[in-house]
Amino acid sequence: MKNTIHSDQKGRTIIVTGANTGLGYETALELAKMVAKVIMACRNIAKAEAARDRIIKTAPAADLVIMEIDLSSLNSIRKFAENFKSKFNKLDVLINNAGVMTPPYSKTEDGFELQFGANYLGHFLLTGLLLDLIVKTEHSRILTLSSAVHKNGTINFDDLQSEKEYDRMKAYAQSKLACLLFTYELQRRLEKAGHNNTISVACHPGIAMTDLSRNMSKFQYYLIKYTLAPFMAQSAKKGALPTLLAATGEAQGGDYFGPTGFNEFKGKPGIVSSSELSKDEKVANKLWTVSEKLVGLEYL
């Protein structure tokens, strides 16, 4: 049935990046309840272990595997992929969830602006490194998280790493637009290569109260939490519903899921719309080519 989360995921292997907190945690928790084997791909192992213990209290039969990955490090991503392939011979769903939002300007160890590097480029590389396993797995999916903020984004090819000028929100919007451009371009390339068993989809959580807001000032955080949030935002648990629908429900390649309430702030998950720029094939193709060079991997 359309717009229905399928609760039986037994036998499926699912990676959730950033599974120790926020949307990733809620996603991992619900998938564990559905009896999927959940790979908690996290940067901080201690926090991941604490999250695993909380999940097990709620779902004692949970099948959870913690694996270390830092999406802001290409070397870490390569090590994760190598480690995963040494342990598993299939991958049903890759959920590219981990991310950062509006931090002070900083660069990854590879010289990328942090949001563009962690939110987008890291997942671009991770997807490519795991693609051979994914495409040989029946009915597999690659799910990448975007944001409604992508509608304010552009891809500044002249300053992708925000070295000339850094605006936190513009950089965040660029990274999330890149995630959608990637989703759609990946689907086109999968189809062209004849990989009909695999689809690429995307989702966004609406306005969800997660610790992504940690880079706000205390004044901004409490202002939003106690004045705007009750009317415009939803919990991380509800914010994870579009992810769960995209990962387990009926979907076609290129579908984009999100809350269907007013302005997509919150509400029942379903198919939502994205910006015209996110569907621009020329921009997507150029971004793909640039991304391959930046991460040092060509695929599809």
Protein backbone atom coordinates (compact mmCIF):
# COMPACT_ATOMS: atom_id res chain seq x y z
CA MET A 1 0.00 0.00 0.00
CA LYS A 2 1.27 3.49 -0.89
CA ASN A 3 2.57 5.65 1.98
CA THR A 4 2.75 2.63 4.29
CA ILE A 5 5.86 1.74 6.26
CA HIS A 6 6.41 -2.00 5.96
CA SER A 7 7.13 -3.27 9.46
CA ASP A 8 8.66 -6.66 8.55
CA GLN A 9 12.29 -6.18 7.54
CA LYS A 10 13.56 -9.55 8.67
CA GLY A 11 16.52 -10.76 6.61
CA ARG A 12 17.41 -7.29 5.33
CA THR A 13 20.77 -5.64 6.00
CA ILE A 14 20.54 -1.86 6.37
CA ILE A 15 23.27 0.71 6.97
CA VAL A 16 22.30 3.90 8.81
CA THR A 17 25.02 6.53 8.94
CA GLY A 18 24.90 8.70 12.04
CA ALA A 19 22.77 6.11 13.85
CA ASN A 20 23.70 7.16 17.38
CA THR A 21 21.68 10.37 17.57
CA GLY A 22 18.69 12.31 16.24
CA LEU A 23 17.01 11.06 13.09
CA GLY A 24 19.60 8.33 12.64
CA TYR A 25 18.94 6.94 16.10
CA GLU A 26 15.17 6.96 15.63
CA THR A 27 15.58 5.29 12.24
CA ALA A 28 17.88 2.60 13.64
CA LEU A 29 15.52 2.00 16.56
CA GLU A 30 12.47 1.48 14.36
CA LEU A 31 14.35 -0.72 11.88
CA ALA A 32 15.63 -2.82 14.78
CA LYS A 33 12.03 -3.30 15.92
CA MET A 34 11.28 -4.48 12.38
CA VAL A 35 13.96 -7.19 12.84
CA ALA A 36 16.35 -5.84 10.23
CA LYS A 37 20.10 -6.24 10.71
CA VAL A 38 21.07 -2.64 11.33
CA ILE A 39 24.61 -1.45 10.77
CA MET A 40 25.10 1.58 13.01
CA ALA A 41 27.73 3.50 11.04
CA CYS A 42 28.99 6.12 13.49
CA ARG A 43 31.96 8.39 14.09
CA ASN A 44 31.90 8.17 17.90
CA ILE A 45 31.97 4.53 19.02
CA ALA A 46 31.25 5.28 22.69
CA LYS A 47 28.11 7.20 21.75
CA ALA A 48 27.14 4.45 19.32
CA GLU A 49 27.46 1.83 22.07
CA ALA A 50 25.30 3.91 24.39
CA ALA A 51 22.70 4.27 21.62
CA ARG A 52 22.81 0.52 20.94
CA ASP A 53 22.17 -0.19 24.61
CA ARG A 54 19.14 2.13 24.60
CA ILE A 55 17.76 0.41 21.50
CA ILE A 56 18.20 -3.03 23.03
CA LYS A 57 16.22 -1.98 26.10
CA THR A 58 13.28 -1.21 23.80
CA ALA A 59 13.90 -4.00 21.29
CA PRO A 60 15.70 -6.87 23.08
CA ALA A 61 15.90 -8.95 19.91
CA ALA A 62 17.59 -6.15 17.96
CA ASP A 63 20.35 -7.24 15.57
CA LEU A 64 22.77 -4.32 15.70
CA VAL A 65 26.34 -4.01 14.44
CA ILE A 66 28.42 -0.94 15.24
CA MET A 67 31.00 0.08 12.66
CA GLU A 68 33.18 3.16 12.73
CA ILE A 69 32.98 5.78 10.01
CA ASP A 70 33.74 9.48 9.85
CA LEU A 71 31.92 10.98 6.85
CA SER A 72 34.30 13.95 6.92
CA SER A 73 37.28 11.69 6.21
CA LEU A 74 37.71 9.97 2.84
CA ASN A 75 40.22 7.60 4.41
CA SER A 76 37.73 6.60 7.12
CA ILE A 77 35.03 6.00 4.51
CA ARG A 78 37.32 3.75 2.50
CA LYS A 79 38.24 1.77 5.62
CA PHE A 80 34.55 1.38 6.51
CA ALA A 81 33.67 0.11 3.04
CA GLU A 82 36.54 -2.37 3.08
CA ASN A 83 35.54 -3.56 6.55
CA PHE A 84 31.87 -3.90 5.58
CA LYS A 85 32.68 -5.90 2.46
CA SER A 86 34.85 -8.26 4.47
CA LYS A 87 31.87 -9.09 6.71
CA PHE A 88 28.81 -8.91 4.45
CA ASN A 89 27.97 -10.09 0.94
CA LYS A 90 24.84 -8.00 0.42
CA LEU A 91 23.35 -4.63 1.29
CA ASP A 92 19.60 -4.09 1.03
CA VAL A 93 19.41 -0.44 2.02
CA LEU A 94 22.05 2.26 2.41
CA ILE A 95 20.67 5.21 4.39
CA ASN A 96 22.91 8.24 3.89
CA ASN A 97 21.71 10.07 6.99
CA ALA A 98 24.65 11.57 8.91
CA GLY A 99 25.25 15.27 8.65
CA VAL A 100 26.08 18.59 10.22
CA MET A 101 24.15 21.85 10.12
CA THR A 102 25.41 25.44 10.13
CA PRO A 103 28.69 24.99 12.05
CA PRO A 104 31.34 27.71 12.21
CA TYR A 105 33.54 27.56 9.12
CA SER A 106 35.89 24.60 9.12
CA LYS A 107 37.42 22.15 6.67
CA THR A 108 37.62 18.39 6.64
CA GLU A 109 41.01 16.69 6.67
CA ASP A 110 40.72 16.49 2.87
CA GLY A 111 40.20 20.25 2.53
CA PHE A 112 36.43 20.32 1.96
CA GLU A 113 34.07 22.76 3.65
CA LEU A 114 32.63 20.64 6.47
CA GLN A 115 28.96 20.65 5.43
CA PHE A 116 29.65 19.98 1.76
CA GLY A 117 32.18 17.32 2.74
CA ALA A 118 30.25 15.45 5.43
CA ASN A 119 26.68 15.87 4.20
CA TYR A 120 27.33 15.23 0.53
CA LEU A 121 30.81 14.22 -0.64
CA GLY A 122 31.29 11.61 2.08
CA HIS A 123 28.05 9.89 1.14
CA PHE A 124 28.87 10.21 -2.57
CA LEU A 125 32.06 8.23 -1.96
CA LEU A 126 30.43 5.75 0.42
CA THR A 127 27.72 4.96 -2.13
CA GLY A 128 30.27 4.40 -4.86
CA LEU A 129 32.42 2.10 -2.75
CA LEU A 130 29.43 -0.06 -1.75
CA LEU A 131 27.62 0.02 -5.07
CA ASP A 132 28.83 -3.38 -6.29
CA LEU A 133 27.21 -5.06 -3.26
CA ILE A 134 24.06 -2.96 -3.50
CA VAL A 135 23.32 -3.63 -7.18
CA LYS A 136 23.66 -7.39 -6.76
CA THR A 137 21.15 -7.35 -3.87
CA GLU A 138 17.54 -7.87 -4.96
CA HIS A 139 15.21 -4.89 -4.44
CA SER A 140 17.95 -2.74 -2.92
CA ARG A 141 17.77 0.98 -2.24
CA ILE A 142 20.06 3.93 -1.76
CA LEU A 143 18.39 6.58 0.37
CA THR A 144 19.93 10.02 0.81
CA LEU A 145 18.66 12.65 3.24
CA SER A 146 18.11 16.15 1.97
CA SER A 147 16.27 19.10 3.52
CA ALA A 148 13.46 21.45 2.57
CA VAL A 149 16.19 24.11 2.80
CA HIS A 150 17.56 22.74 -0.49
CA LYS A 151 14.99 25.00 -2.20
CA ASN A 152 17.11 27.99 -1.15
CA GLY A 153 20.31 26.38 -2.40
CA THR A 154 22.54 26.76 -5.43
CA ILE A 155 25.71 24.93 -6.43
CA ASN A 156 28.52 27.48 -6.49
CA PHE A 157 31.02 25.72 -8.74
CA ASP A 158 33.35 28.72 -8.48
CA ASP A 159 33.55 28.35 -4.69
CA LEU A 160 32.30 24.90 -3.69
CA GLN A 161 34.33 24.92 -0.47
CA SER A 162 33.17 28.43 0.57
CA GLU A 163 36.76 29.67 0.68
CA LYS A 164 35.91 33.09 -0.78
CA GLU A 165 32.84 33.63 1.37
CA TYR A 166 31.13 31.51 4.01
CA ASP A 167 27.47 31.78 4.89
CA ARG A 168 26.47 28.91 7.20
CA MET A 169 22.94 28.52 5.89
CA LYS A 170 23.89 28.95 2.23
CA ALA A 171 26.55 26.27 2.63
CA TYR A 172 24.04 23.98 4.33
CA ALA A 173 21.47 24.57 1.57
CA GLN A 174 24.13 23.86 -1.07
CA SER A 175 25.05 20.56 0.59
CA LYS A 176 21.42 19.45 0.76
CA LEU A 177 20.72 20.49 -2.81
CA ALA A 178 23.78 18.46 -3.80
CA CYS A 179 22.25 15.44 -2.03
CA LEU A 180 19.10 15.73 -4.17
CA LEU A 181 20.98 16.32 -7.41
CA PHE A 182 23.00 13.21 -6.54
CA THR A 183 19.86 11.17 -5.81
CA TYR A 184 18.28 11.93 -9.16
CA GLU A 185 21.51 11.59 -11.15
CA LEU A 186 22.27 8.28 -9.45
CA GLN A 187 18.84 6.97 -10.46
CA ARG A 188 19.40 8.01 -14.08
CA ARG A 189 22.80 6.32 -14.12
CA LEU A 190 21.48 3.14 -12.50
CA GLU A 191 18.81 2.91 -15.18
CA LYS A 192 21.30 3.58 -17.98
CA ALA A 193 23.60 0.84 -16.62
CA GLY A 194 20.72 -1.64 -16.47
CA HIS A 195 20.75 -1.98 -12.67
CA ASN A 196 17.01 -2.40 -12.43
CA ASN A 197 17.08 -4.13 -9.03
CA THR A 198 18.32 -0.97 -7.30
CA ILE A 199 16.64 2.41 -6.87
CA SER A 200 17.85 5.77 -5.58
CA VAL A 201 15.43 7.78 -3.45
CA ALA A 202 15.59 10.76 -1.10
CA CYS A 203 13.73 12.20 1.84
CA HIS A 204 13.68 15.08 4.27
CA PRO A 205 12.40 15.26 7.88
CA GLY A 206 10.64 18.62 7.79
CA ILE A 207 11.47 20.70 10.82
CA ALA A 208 12.56 18.10 13.36
CA MET A 209 13.93 18.91 16.80
CA THR A 210 17.29 17.15 16.79
CA ASP A 211 20.76 17.98 18.03
CA LEU A 212 21.59 19.31 14.56
CA SER A 213 20.46 22.58 16.11
CA ARG A 214 23.43 22.51 18.49
CA ASN A 215 25.17 25.21 16.46
CA MET A 216 22.42 27.69 17.20
CA SER A 217 22.88 30.16 20.01
CA LYS A 218 21.06 29.25 23.23
CA PHE A 219 18.74 32.19 22.64
CA GLN A 220 17.83 30.96 19.13
CA TYR A 221 17.38 27.37 20.32
CA TYR A 222 15.06 28.19 23.21
CA LEU A 223 13.16 30.76 21.17
CA ILE A 224 12.41 28.12 18.55
CA LYS A 225 11.79 25.33 21.05
CA TYR A 226 9.23 27.18 23.15
CA THR A 227 7.58 29.53 20.64
CA LEU A 228 7.77 28.19 17.09
CA ALA A 229 8.40 24.45 17.56
CA PRO A 230 4.98 23.55 19.01
CA PHE A 231 3.36 24.87 15.83
CA MET A 232 5.97 24.26 13.12
CA ALA A 233 8.23 21.41 14.23
CA GLN A 234 7.96 17.75 15.10
CA SER A 235 9.95 15.33 17.18
CA ALA A 236 12.94 13.42 15.83
CA LYS A 237 10.78 10.29 16.05
CA LYS A 238 8.21 11.77 13.69
CA GLY A 239 10.94 13.37 11.60
CA ALA A 240 12.30 9.88 10.91
CA LEU A 241 9.02 8.68 9.38
CA PRO A 242 9.85 9.89 5.84
CA THR A 243 13.15 7.98 6.09
CA LEU A 244 11.36 4.83 7.20
CA LEU A 245 8.78 5.16 4.43
CA ALA A 246 11.48 5.74 1.82
CA ALA A 247 13.47 2.76 3.12
CA THR A 248 10.65 0.24 3.50
CA GLY A 249 7.52 1.42 1.70
CA GLU A 250 6.52 1.33 -1.94
CA ALA A 251 8.82 3.54 -3.94
CA GLN A 252 10.06 4.23 -7.43
CA GLY A 253 13.48 5.45 -8.37
CA GLY A 254 13.77 9.20 -7.92
CA ASP A 255 10.96 9.46 -5.35
CA TYR A 256 11.36 12.17 -2.72
CA PHE A 257 9.60 11.72 0.61
CA GLY A 258 8.84 14.23 3.35
CA PRO A 259 6.12 15.50 5.68
CA THR A 260 2.97 16.40 3.75
CA GLY A 261 1.65 19.05 6.14
CA PHE A 262 1.79 22.82 5.69
CA ASN A 263 5.01 23.88 3.90
CA GLU A 264 6.32 20.34 4.56
CA PHE A 265 7.19 21.43 8.11
CA LYS A 266 5.62 18.37 9.68
CA GLY A 267 2.84 15.85 9.14
CA LYS A 268 2.18 12.45 7.63
CA PRO A 269 5.02 11.23 5.38
CA GLY A 270 4.47 10.98 1.64
CA ILE A 271 5.78 12.06 -1.76
CA VAL A 272 6.80 15.73 -1.84
CA SER A 273 8.21 18.08 -4.45
CA SER A 274 11.71 19.44 -4.92
CA SER A 275 13.08 22.54 -6.63
CA GLU A 276 13.49 22.83 -10.38
CA LEU A 277 17.23 23.25 -9.87
CA SER A 278 17.40 19.88 -8.10
CA LYS A 279 16.15 18.29 -11.33
CA ASP A 280 18.61 20.09 -13.63
CA GLU A 281 20.45 17.28 -15.43
CA LYS A 282 23.29 19.49 -16.66
CA VAL A 283 24.05 20.75 -13.15
CA ALA A 284 23.75 17.21 -11.77
CA ASN A 285 26.12 15.78 -14.36
CA LYS A 286 28.68 18.52 -13.76
CA LEU A 287 28.44 18.04 -9.99
CA TRP A 288 28.92 14.28 -10.42
CA THR A 289 32.05 14.77 -12.52
CA VAL A 290 33.49 17.29 -10.05
CA SER A 291 32.64 15.00 -7.14
CA GLU A 292 34.41 12.03 -8.71
CA LYS A 293 37.58 14.10 -8.99
CA LEU A 294 37.31 15.42 -5.44
CA VAL A 295 36.87 11.98 -3.82
CA GLY A 296 39.10 10.07 -6.22
CA LEU A 297 36.54 7.53 -7.39
CA GLU A 298 34.72 7.19 -10.71
CA TYR A 299 31.60 5.03 -10.85
CA LEU A 300 28.60 4.46 -13.10
